[in-house]
C-alpha atoms as a PDB file:
ATOM      1  CA  MET A   1     -44.302 -38.273 -29.392  1.00  0.00           C
ATOM      2  CA  LEU A   2     -43.505 -37.092 -25.874  1.00  0.00           C
ATOM      3  CA  GLY A   3     -40.370 -35.526 -24.425  1.00  0.00           C
ATOM      4  CA  PHE A   4     -39.346 -33.808 -21.231  1.00  0.00           C
ATOM      5  CA  GLY A   5     -37.785 -30.417 -20.664  1.00  0.00           C
ATOM      6  CA  VAL A   6     -36.509 -28.495 -17.647  1.00  0.00           C
ATOM      7  CA  ASP A   7     -35.789 -24.770 -17.827  1.00  0.00           C
ATOM      8  CA  ILE A   8     -33.351 -23.428 -15.208  1.00  0.00           C
ATOM      9  CA  GLY A   9     -33.745 -19.695 -14.648  1.00  0.00           C
ATOM     10  CA  GLY A  10     -32.330 -17.149 -12.276  1.00  0.00           C
ATOM     11  CA  SER A  11     -35.587 -16.955 -10.314  1.00  0.00           C
ATOM     12  CA  GLY A  12     -37.390 -20.211 -11.055  1.00  0.00           C
ATOM     13  CA  ILE A  13     -36.868 -23.758 -12.336  1.00  0.00           C
ATOM     14  CA  LYS A  14     -39.726 -25.312 -14.274  1.00  0.00           C
ATOM     15  CA  GLY A  15     -40.329 -28.546 -16.124  1.00  0.00           C
ATOM     16  CA  CYS A  16     -42.980 -30.637 -17.797  1.00  0.00           C
ATOM     17  CA  VAL A  17     -43.717 -33.430 -20.235  1.00  0.00           C
ATOM     18  CA  VAL A  18     -43.957 -32.025 -23.779  1.00  0.00           C
ATOM     19  CA  ASP A  19     -46.065 -33.130 -26.738  1.00  0.00           C
ATOM     20  CA  LEU A  20     -43.413 -32.833 -29.455  1.00  0.00           C
ATOM     21  CA  ASP A  21     -45.918 -33.211 -32.285  1.00  0.00           C
ATOM     22  CA  LYS A  22     -47.811 -30.107 -31.193  1.00  0.00           C
ATOM     23  CA  GLY A  23     -45.095 -28.212 -29.333  1.00  0.00           C
ATOM     24  CA  GLU A  24     -47.266 -27.988 -26.225  1.00  0.00           C
ATOM     25  CA  LEU A  25     -46.914 -28.917 -22.582  1.00  0.00           C
ATOM     26  CA  GLN A  26     -48.636 -32.172 -21.673  1.00  0.00           C
ATOM     27  CA  GLY A  27     -50.505 -31.098 -18.539  1.00  0.00           C
ATOM     28  CA  GLU A  28     -49.448 -28.569 -15.914  1.00  0.00           C
ATOM     29  CA  ARG A  29     -45.810 -27.625 -15.545  1.00  0.00           C
ATOM     30  CA  LEU A  30     -44.138 -27.674 -12.134  1.00  0.00           C
ATOM     31  CA  ARG A  31     -42.234 -24.562 -11.092  1.00  0.00           C
ATOM     32  CA  ILE A  32     -39.981 -24.315  -8.025  1.00  0.00           C
ATOM     33  CA  GLU A  33     -38.101 -21.224  -6.911  1.00  0.00           C
ATOM     34  CA  THR A  34     -34.403 -21.250  -7.797  1.00  0.00           C
ATOM     35  CA  PRO A  35     -32.398 -21.839  -4.580  1.00  0.00           C
ATOM     36  CA  GLN A  36     -30.552 -18.800  -3.280  1.00  0.00           C
ATOM     37  CA  PRO A  37     -27.648 -18.778  -3.550  1.00  0.00           C
ATOM     38  CA  SER A  38     -28.035 -20.636  -6.822  1.00  0.00           C
ATOM     39  CA  LEU A  39     -25.287 -23.189  -6.216  1.00  0.00           C
ATOM     40  CA  PRO A  40     -25.071 -26.217  -8.539  1.00  0.00           C
ATOM     41  CA  GLU A  41     -25.920 -28.927  -6.012  1.00  0.00           C
ATOM     42  CA  PRO A  42     -29.169 -27.355  -4.701  1.00  0.00           C
ATOM     43  CA  VAL A  43     -30.225 -26.600  -8.286  1.00  0.00           C
ATOM     44  CA  TYR A  44     -29.536 -30.201  -9.317  1.00  0.00           C
ATOM     45  CA  ASP A  45     -31.716 -31.320  -6.402  1.00  0.00           C
ATOM     46  CA  VAL A  46     -34.603 -29.156  -7.634  1.00  0.00           C
ATOM     47  CA  VAL A  47     -34.284 -30.517 -11.170  1.00  0.00           C
ATOM     48  CA  GLY A  48     -34.337 -34.033  -9.731  1.00  0.00           C
ATOM     49  CA  ARG A  49     -37.496 -33.267  -7.741  1.00  0.00           C
ATOM     50  CA  ILE A  50     -39.248 -31.926 -10.841  1.00  0.00           C
ATOM     51  CA  VAL A  51     -38.356 -34.924 -13.003  1.00  0.00           C
ATOM     52  CA  ASP A  52     -39.274 -37.365 -10.228  1.00  0.00           C
ATOM     53  CA  SER A  53     -42.675 -35.727  -9.749  1.00  0.00           C
ATOM     54  CA  PHE A  54     -43.611 -36.714 -13.312  1.00  0.00           C
ATOM     55  CA  GLY A  55     -42.093 -40.200 -13.116  1.00  0.00           C
ATOM     56  CA  TRP A  56     -40.148 -39.536 -16.313  1.00  0.00           C
ATOM     57  CA  GLU A  57     -37.308 -41.906 -17.202  1.00  0.00           C
ATOM     58  CA  GLY A  58     -36.432 -41.104 -20.830  1.00  0.00           C
ATOM     59  CA  ARG A  59     -34.169 -38.473 -22.401  1.00  0.00           C
ATOM     60  CA  ILE A  60     -34.350 -35.041 -20.787  1.00  0.00           C
ATOM     61  CA  GLY A  61     -33.393 -31.616 -22.053  1.00  0.00           C
ATOM     62  CA  VAL A  62     -32.163 -29.137 -19.442  1.00  0.00           C
ATOM     63  CA  THR A  63     -31.483 -25.464 -20.101  1.00  0.00           C
ATOM     64  CA  TYR A  64     -28.878 -23.321 -18.365  1.00  0.00           C
ATOM     65  CA  PRO A  65     -28.858 -19.492 -18.240  1.00  0.00           C
ATOM     66  CA  GLY A  66     -25.439 -19.039 -19.826  1.00  0.00           C
ATOM     67  CA  VAL A  67     -22.997 -20.412 -22.363  1.00  0.00           C
ATOM     68  CA  VAL A  68     -22.883 -24.231 -22.499  1.00  0.00           C
ATOM     69  CA  LYS A  69     -20.171 -25.878 -24.592  1.00  0.00           C
ATOM     70  CA  SER A  70     -19.909 -29.686 -24.705  1.00  0.00           C
ATOM     71  CA  GLY A  71     -22.107 -29.801 -21.596  1.00  0.00           C
ATOM     72  CA  VAL A  72     -19.866 -27.489 -19.568  1.00  0.00           C
ATOM     73  CA  ALA A  73     -21.051 -24.130 -18.173  1.00  0.00           C
ATOM     74  CA  ARG A  74     -18.722 -21.390 -19.413  1.00  0.00           C
ATOM     75  CA  THR A  75     -20.477 -18.267 -18.099  1.00  0.00           C
ATOM     76  CA  ALA A  76     -22.563 -17.502 -15.005  1.00  0.00           C
ATOM     77  CA  ALA A  77     -23.954 -13.988 -15.307  1.00  0.00           C
ATOM     78  CA  ASN A  78     -27.233 -14.589 -13.450  1.00  0.00           C
ATOM     79  CA  VAL A  79     -26.387 -17.608 -11.293  1.00  0.00           C
ATOM     80  CA  ASP A  80     -23.661 -18.320  -8.754  1.00  0.00           C
ATOM     81  CA  LYS A  81     -20.110 -18.169 -10.121  1.00  0.00           C
ATOM     82  CA  SER A  82     -19.434 -21.678  -8.813  1.00  0.00           C
ATOM     83  CA  TRP A  83     -21.197 -22.974 -11.950  1.00  0.00           C
ATOM     84  CA  LEU A  84     -18.178 -22.043 -14.067  1.00  0.00           C
ATOM     85  CA  GLY A  85     -16.506 -25.170 -15.413  1.00  0.00           C
ATOM     86  CA  THR A  86     -19.155 -27.582 -14.132  1.00  0.00           C
ATOM     87  CA  HIS A  87     -20.456 -30.375 -16.369  1.00  0.00           C
ATOM     88  CA  LEU A  88     -24.221 -30.173 -16.044  1.00  0.00           C
ATOM     89  CA  ALA A  89     -25.164 -33.635 -17.265  1.00  0.00           C
ATOM     90  CA  GLU A  90     -22.621 -35.276 -14.979  1.00  0.00           C
ATOM     91  CA  GLY A  91     -23.926 -33.275 -12.036  1.00  0.00           C
ATOM     92  CA  LEU A  92     -27.491 -34.358 -12.769  1.00  0.00           C
ATOM     93  CA  ALA A  93     -26.650 -38.018 -13.408  1.00  0.00           C
ATOM     94  CA  SER A  94     -27.160 -39.090  -9.798  1.00  0.00           C
ATOM     95  CA  ARG A  95     -30.489 -37.251  -9.474  1.00  0.00           C
ATOM     96  CA  ILE A  96     -32.406 -38.398 -12.537  1.00  0.00           C
ATOM     97  CA  PRO A  97     -32.768 -41.709 -14.380  1.00  0.00           C
ATOM     98  CA  GLY A  98     -32.678 -40.480 -17.995  1.00  0.00           C
ATOM     99  CA  THR A  99     -29.957 -39.254 -20.330  1.00  0.00           C
ATOM    100  CA  VAL A 100     -29.487 -35.495 -20.096  1.00  0.00           C
ATOM    101  CA  GLN A 101     -28.789 -33.023 -22.875  1.00  0.00           C
ATOM    102  CA  THR A 102     -27.971 -29.473 -21.802  1.00  0.00           C
ATOM    103  CA  LEU A 103     -28.105 -26.209 -23.751  1.00  0.00           C
ATOM    104  CA  ASN A 104     -28.378 -22.458 -23.329  1.00  0.00           C
ATOM    105  CA  ASP A 105     -31.835 -21.362 -22.174  1.00  0.00           C
ATOM    106  CA  ALA A 106     -32.395 -18.761 -24.892  1.00  0.00           C
ATOM    107  CA  ASP A 107     -31.205 -21.214 -27.557  1.00  0.00           C
ATOM    108  CA  ALA A 108     -33.857 -23.639 -26.294  1.00  0.00           C
ATOM    109  CA  ALA A 109     -36.568 -20.973 -26.462  1.00  0.00           C
ATOM    110  CA  GLY A 110     -35.467 -20.072 -29.973  1.00  0.00           C
ATOM    111  CA  ILE A 111     -35.507 -23.698 -31.099  1.00  0.00           C
ATOM    112  CA  ALA A 112     -39.120 -23.967 -29.914  1.00  0.00           C
ATOM    113  CA  GLU A 113     -40.202 -20.739 -31.613  1.00  0.00           C
ATOM    114  CA  MET A 114     -38.534 -21.724 -34.881  1.00  0.00           C
ATOM    115  CA  ARG A 115     -40.235 -25.115 -34.929  1.00  0.00           C
ATOM    116  CA  TYR A 116     -43.672 -24.314 -33.533  1.00  0.00           C
ATOM    117  CA  GLY A 117     -44.076 -20.558 -33.065  1.00  0.00           C
ATOM    118  CA  ALA A 118     -43.346 -17.123 -34.490  1.00  0.00           C
ATOM    119  CA  GLY A 119     -40.278 -18.286 -36.449  1.00  0.00           C
ATOM    120  CA  ARG A 120     -41.868 -21.304 -38.100  1.00  0.00           C
ATOM    121  CA  ASP A 121     -40.835 -21.627 -41.775  1.00  0.00           C
ATOM    122  CA  LYS A 122     -38.921 -18.330 -41.595  1.00  0.00           C
ATOM    123  CA  ARG A 123     -35.754 -18.066 -43.690  1.00  0.00           C
ATOM    124  CA  GLY A 124     -32.901 -15.604 -43.492  1.00  0.00           C
ATOM    125  CA  ILE A 125     -31.514 -14.272 -40.202  1.00  0.00           C
ATOM    126  CA  VAL A 126     -33.911 -14.642 -37.261  1.00  0.00           C
ATOM    127  CA  LEU A 127     -32.985 -13.285 -33.837  1.00  0.00           C
ATOM    128  CA  MET A 128     -34.828 -14.473 -30.744  1.00  0.00           C
ATOM    129  CA  LEU A 129     -34.465 -12.362 -27.575  1.00  0.00           C
ATOM    130  CA  THR A 130     -35.800 -13.352 -24.162  1.00  0.00           C
ATOM    131  CA  PHE A 131     -36.321 -10.549 -21.659  1.00  0.00           C
ATOM    132  CA  GLY A 132     -36.168 -11.701 -18.046  1.00  0.00           C
ATOM    133  CA  THR A 133     -33.546 -11.592 -15.292  1.00  0.00           C
ATOM    134  CA  GLY A 134     -31.144 -10.806 -18.140  1.00  0.00           C
ATOM    135  CA  ILE A 135     -31.516 -10.826 -21.915  1.00  0.00           C
ATOM    136  CA  GLY A 136     -31.012 -14.145 -23.636  1.00  0.00           C
ATOM    137  CA  SER A 137     -30.449 -14.479 -27.367  1.00  0.00           C
ATOM    138  CA  ALA A 138     -30.705 -17.146 -30.037  1.00  0.00           C
ATOM    139  CA  LEU A 139     -29.591 -16.582 -33.618  1.00  0.00           C
ATOM    140  CA  PHE A 140     -30.724 -18.627 -36.612  1.00  0.00           C
ATOM    141  CA  THR A 141     -29.675 -18.550 -40.237  1.00  0.00           C
ATOM    142  CA  ASP A 142     -32.162 -20.289 -42.524  1.00  0.00           C
ATOM    143  CA  GLY A 143     -33.449 -22.168 -39.475  1.00  0.00           C
ATOM    144  CA  VAL A 144     -30.035 -23.385 -38.276  1.00  0.00           C
ATOM    145  CA  LEU A 145     -29.009 -22.360 -34.750  1.00  0.00           C
ATOM    146  CA  VAL A 146     -25.793 -20.428 -34.123  1.00  0.00           C
ATOM    147  CA  PRO A 147     -25.400 -21.392 -30.421  1.00  0.00           C
ATOM    148  CA  ASN A 148     -24.345 -19.349 -27.404  1.00  0.00           C
ATOM    149  CA  THR A 149     -24.556 -15.870 -28.922  1.00  0.00           C
ATOM    150  CA  GLU A 150     -25.078 -14.096 -25.545  1.00  0.00           C
ATOM    151  CA  PHE A 151     -26.136 -10.781 -27.101  1.00  0.00           C
ATOM    152  CA  GLY A 152     -27.475  -9.666 -23.737  1.00  0.00           C
ATOM    153  CA  HIS A 153     -23.884  -8.735 -22.903  1.00  0.00           C
ATOM    154  CA  ILE A 154     -23.203  -6.659 -25.990  1.00  0.00           C
ATOM    155  CA  GLN A 155     -22.044  -3.178 -24.991  1.00  0.00           C
ATOM    156  CA  VAL A 156     -24.649  -0.429 -25.285  1.00  0.00           C
ATOM    157  CA  ASP A 157     -23.526   3.058 -24.245  1.00  0.00           C
ATOM    158  CA  GLY A 158     -20.875   1.613 -21.956  1.00  0.00           C
ATOM    159  CA  HIS A 159     -23.037  -1.029 -20.265  1.00  0.00           C
ATOM    160  CA  ASP A 160     -24.056  -4.630 -20.875  1.00  0.00           C
ATOM    161  CA  GLY A 161     -27.306  -4.342 -22.812  1.00  0.00           C
ATOM    162  CA  GLU A 162     -29.204  -6.385 -20.246  1.00  0.00           C
ATOM    163  CA  LYS A 163     -28.229  -4.087 -17.379  1.00  0.00           C
ATOM    164  CA  LYS A 164     -30.488  -1.385 -18.794  1.00  0.00           C
ATOM    165  CA  ALA A 165     -32.954  -3.191 -21.033  1.00  0.00           C
ATOM    166  CA  SER A 166     -33.859  -6.484 -19.313  1.00  0.00           C
ATOM    167  CA  ALA A 167     -37.267  -7.049 -17.753  1.00  0.00           C
ATOM    168  CA  ALA A 168     -35.498  -7.119 -14.380  1.00  0.00           C
ATOM    169  CA  ALA A 169     -34.166  -3.605 -15.052  1.00  0.00           C
ATOM    170  CA  LYS A 170     -37.704  -2.451 -15.839  1.00  0.00           C
ATOM    171  CA  ASP A 171     -38.956  -3.822 -12.521  1.00  0.00           C
ATOM    172  CA  ARG A 172     -35.937  -2.709 -10.526  1.00  0.00           C
ATOM    173  CA  GLU A 173     -36.216   0.885 -11.689  1.00  0.00           C
ATOM    174  CA  ASP A 174     -40.032   0.880 -11.798  1.00  0.00           C
ATOM    175  CA  LEU A 175     -40.070   1.950 -15.440  1.00  0.00           C
ATOM    176  CA  SER A 176     -43.292   2.379 -17.378  1.00  0.00           C
ATOM    177  CA  TYR A 177     -43.627   0.412 -20.604  1.00  0.00           C
ATOM    178  CA  PRO A 178     -42.959   3.551 -22.720  1.00  0.00           C
ATOM    179  CA  GLN A 179     -39.837   4.341 -20.669  1.00  0.00           C
ATOM    180  CA  TRP A 180     -38.577   0.795 -20.926  1.00  0.00           C
ATOM    181  CA  ALA A 181     -39.391   0.598 -24.650  1.00  0.00           C
ATOM    182  CA  LYS A 182     -36.952   3.475 -25.280  1.00  0.00           C
ATOM    183  CA  ARG A 183     -34.182   1.433 -23.670  1.00  0.00           C
ATOM    184  CA  VAL A 184     -35.111  -1.685 -25.638  1.00  0.00           C
ATOM    185  CA  ASP A 185     -35.139   0.428 -28.798  1.00  0.00           C
ATOM    186  CA  ARG A 186     -31.603   1.656 -28.166  1.00  0.00           C
ATOM    187  CA  TYR A 187     -30.443  -1.893 -27.422  1.00  0.00           C
ATOM    188  CA  LEU A 188     -31.986  -3.182 -30.651  1.00  0.00           C
ATOM    189  CA  ASP A 189     -30.352  -0.354 -32.623  1.00  0.00           C
ATOM    190  CA  VAL A 190     -26.943  -1.720 -31.616  1.00  0.00           C
ATOM    191  CA  LEU A 191     -27.892  -5.310 -32.450  1.00  0.00           C
ATOM    192  CA  GLU A 192     -29.327  -4.339 -35.828  1.00  0.00           C
ATOM    193  CA  ALA A 193     -26.099  -2.594 -36.751  1.00  0.00           C
ATOM    194  CA  ALA A 194     -24.117  -5.744 -35.926  1.00  0.00           C
ATOM    195  CA  VAL A 195     -26.358  -8.550 -37.158  1.00  0.00           C
ATOM    196  CA  TRP A 196     -28.883  -7.159 -39.695  1.00  0.00           C
ATOM    197  CA  PRO A 197     -31.660  -9.648 -38.855  1.00  0.00           C
ATOM    198  CA  ASP A 198     -34.711 -10.246 -41.040  1.00  0.00           C
ATOM    199  CA  LEU A 199     -36.972 -10.906 -38.047  1.00  0.00           C
ATOM    200  CA  ILE A 200     -36.736 -10.328 -34.290  1.00  0.00           C
ATOM    201  CA  ILE A 201     -38.826 -12.470 -31.943  1.00  0.00           C
ATOM    202  CA  VAL A 202     -39.214 -11.181 -28.378  1.00  0.00           C
ATOM    203  CA  GLY A 203     -39.968 -13.607 -25.561  1.00  0.00           C
ATOM    204  CA  GLY A 204     -39.968 -13.838 -21.785  1.00  0.00           C
ATOM    205  CA  GLY A 205     -42.754 -12.812 -19.433  1.00  0.00           C
ATOM    206  CA  VAL A 206     -43.050  -9.308 -20.921  1.00  0.00           C
ATOM    207  CA  SER A 207     -43.986 -10.790 -24.295  1.00  0.00           C
ATOM    208  CA  LYS A 208     -47.453 -11.422 -22.838  1.00  0.00           C
ATOM    209  CA  LYS A 209     -47.899  -7.635 -22.841  1.00  0.00           C
ATOM    210  CA  ALA A 210     -46.176  -7.003 -26.154  1.00  0.00           C
ATOM    211  CA  HIS A 211     -48.974  -4.638 -27.219  1.00  0.00           C
ATOM    212  CA  LYS A 212     -47.788  -2.194 -24.542  1.00  0.00           C
ATOM    213  CA  TRP A 213     -44.258  -1.788 -25.884  1.00  0.00           C
ATOM    214  CA  VAL A 214     -43.531  -3.499 -29.205  1.00  0.00           C
ATOM    215  CA  PRO A 215     -45.534  -0.918 -31.253  1.00  0.00           C
ATOM    216  CA  GLN A 216     -43.348   1.804 -29.738  1.00  0.00           C
ATOM    217  CA  LEU A 217     -40.132   0.362 -31.170  1.00  0.00           C
ATOM    218  CA  SER A 218     -38.567   2.094 -34.172  1.00  0.00           C
ATOM    219  CA  THR A 219     -36.479  -0.805 -35.495  1.00  0.00           C
ATOM    220  CA  ARG A 220     -36.147  -1.343 -39.223  1.00  0.00           C
ATOM    221  CA  THR A 221     -36.539  -5.081 -38.536  1.00  0.00           C
ATOM    222  CA  PRO A 222     -40.029  -6.499 -37.943  1.00  0.00           C
ATOM    223  CA  VAL A 223     -40.469  -7.361 -34.245  1.00  0.00           C
ATOM    224  CA  VAL A 224     -43.045  -9.966 -33.220  1.00  0.00           C
ATOM    225  CA  PRO A 225     -43.909 -11.505 -29.835  1.00  0.00           C
ATOM    226  CA  ALA A 226     -43.036 -15.113 -29.121  1.00  0.00           C
ATOM    227  CA  GLN A 227     -46.001 -17.460 -29.342  1.00  0.00           C
ATOM    228  CA  LEU A 228     -44.950 -20.071 -26.794  1.00  0.00           C
ATOM    229  CA  LEU A 229     -44.320 -17.412 -24.131  1.00  0.00           C
ATOM    230  CA  ASN A 230     -42.763 -18.820 -20.936  1.00  0.00           C
ATOM    231  CA  ASP A 231     -43.186 -22.429 -22.100  1.00  0.00           C
ATOM    232  CA  ALA A 232     -40.651 -22.012 -24.918  1.00  0.00           C
ATOM    233  CA  GLY A 233     -37.622 -23.023 -22.850  1.00  0.00           C
ATOM    234  CA  ILE A 234     -39.231 -26.252 -21.678  1.00  0.00           C
ATOM    235  CA  VAL A 235     -40.491 -27.146 -25.152  1.00  0.00           C
ATOM    236  CA  GLY A 236     -37.182 -26.319 -26.821  1.00  0.00           C
ATOM    237  CA  ALA A 237     -35.208 -28.307 -24.261  1.00  0.00           C
ATOM    238  CA  ALA A 238     -37.370 -31.372 -24.811  1.00  0.00           C
ATOM    239  CA  LEU A 239     -37.101 -31.030 -28.590  1.00  0.00           C
ATOM    240  CA  ALA A 240     -33.316 -30.575 -28.448  1.00  0.00           C
ATOM    241  CA  ALA A 241     -32.986 -33.705 -26.322  1.00  0.00           C
ATOM    242  CA  GLU A 242     -35.164 -35.793 -28.618  1.00  0.00           C
ATOM    243  CA  GLU A 243     -33.490 -34.669 -31.854  1.00  0.00           C
ATOM    244  CA  ARG A 244     -29.980 -34.263 -30.408  1.00  0.00           C
ATOM    245  CA  ILE A 245     -29.902 -30.624 -31.480  1.00  0.00           C
ATOM    246  CA  GLY A 246     -26.688 -28.957 -30.405  1.00  0.00           C
ATOM    247  CA  GLN A 247     -24.802 -32.132 -29.563  1.00  0.00           C
END
C-alpha cells in the first residue's frame, strides 16, 4: 500500500511517496528550502510543487512544526507568526488534488518510529524527541499518541528547553558533541522528572551521529536513536493520513 507525506520544517520542506507496508520512502524524496519569511501562502505553494512533481492525487499527510488542533495551527515558534489561526488543509485545498490531513511534525515522526522503528512493539510510556531547529516531542502510552505535547518549550533553568538544547543551538554556538550532550542531559533530567518515560527515542539530523553524544547521557531512562532518521516525518504523515490517526 502506498501513501504520501509532506514534512514542513523551519529550514526545509520535503515529501515523497511512502510504502506503508515497509515504512520506507518509495524512491527519492524531494526537498525544497522553506521560503523566508515562512508565510503560509509561499509554503502552501512549495507543498503544491512537491505533490505535483510526483503526480499524486490520493490522501496526503502534511506535518506542521507546531500545535495543530482540528487542522488549525495554534503555535508558531519556528515559523512566521501569521500561521496562528490558519486552517492548513483549507489553505492547501487549492494547490493539491487530494484530501489533506495535518498533524504536528514530531507527532508524525513518533507515529513512524512506533510503527516501523525504534518504538515498534514497545509498551509503557515512550517519548520521542526530534532535535532540529527546535525540539519536537511525541508522547505515547502503550502505543497510543498523546498529541501536541510541545516539550521543547518546557522551562529548563529559566529558558525554553530548545533554546539551549536544540541542534540549532549546537550549531549556533559551535558546541562540540560533549558540550552539547551536557545541555541535552540537563534538558532530559527535567523531562524525566515530569513524565517518567520507559524509553526515549531521539531523532532529527543529529541522530545519525548518536554514537557521539547518546553514550554521554546520564539519564535513568534508556535512550536510543531513531531508526527512520529524517524520513520519519514523511512516513508518519503518510501513515496518519491513510489510517486517519489524529482526526
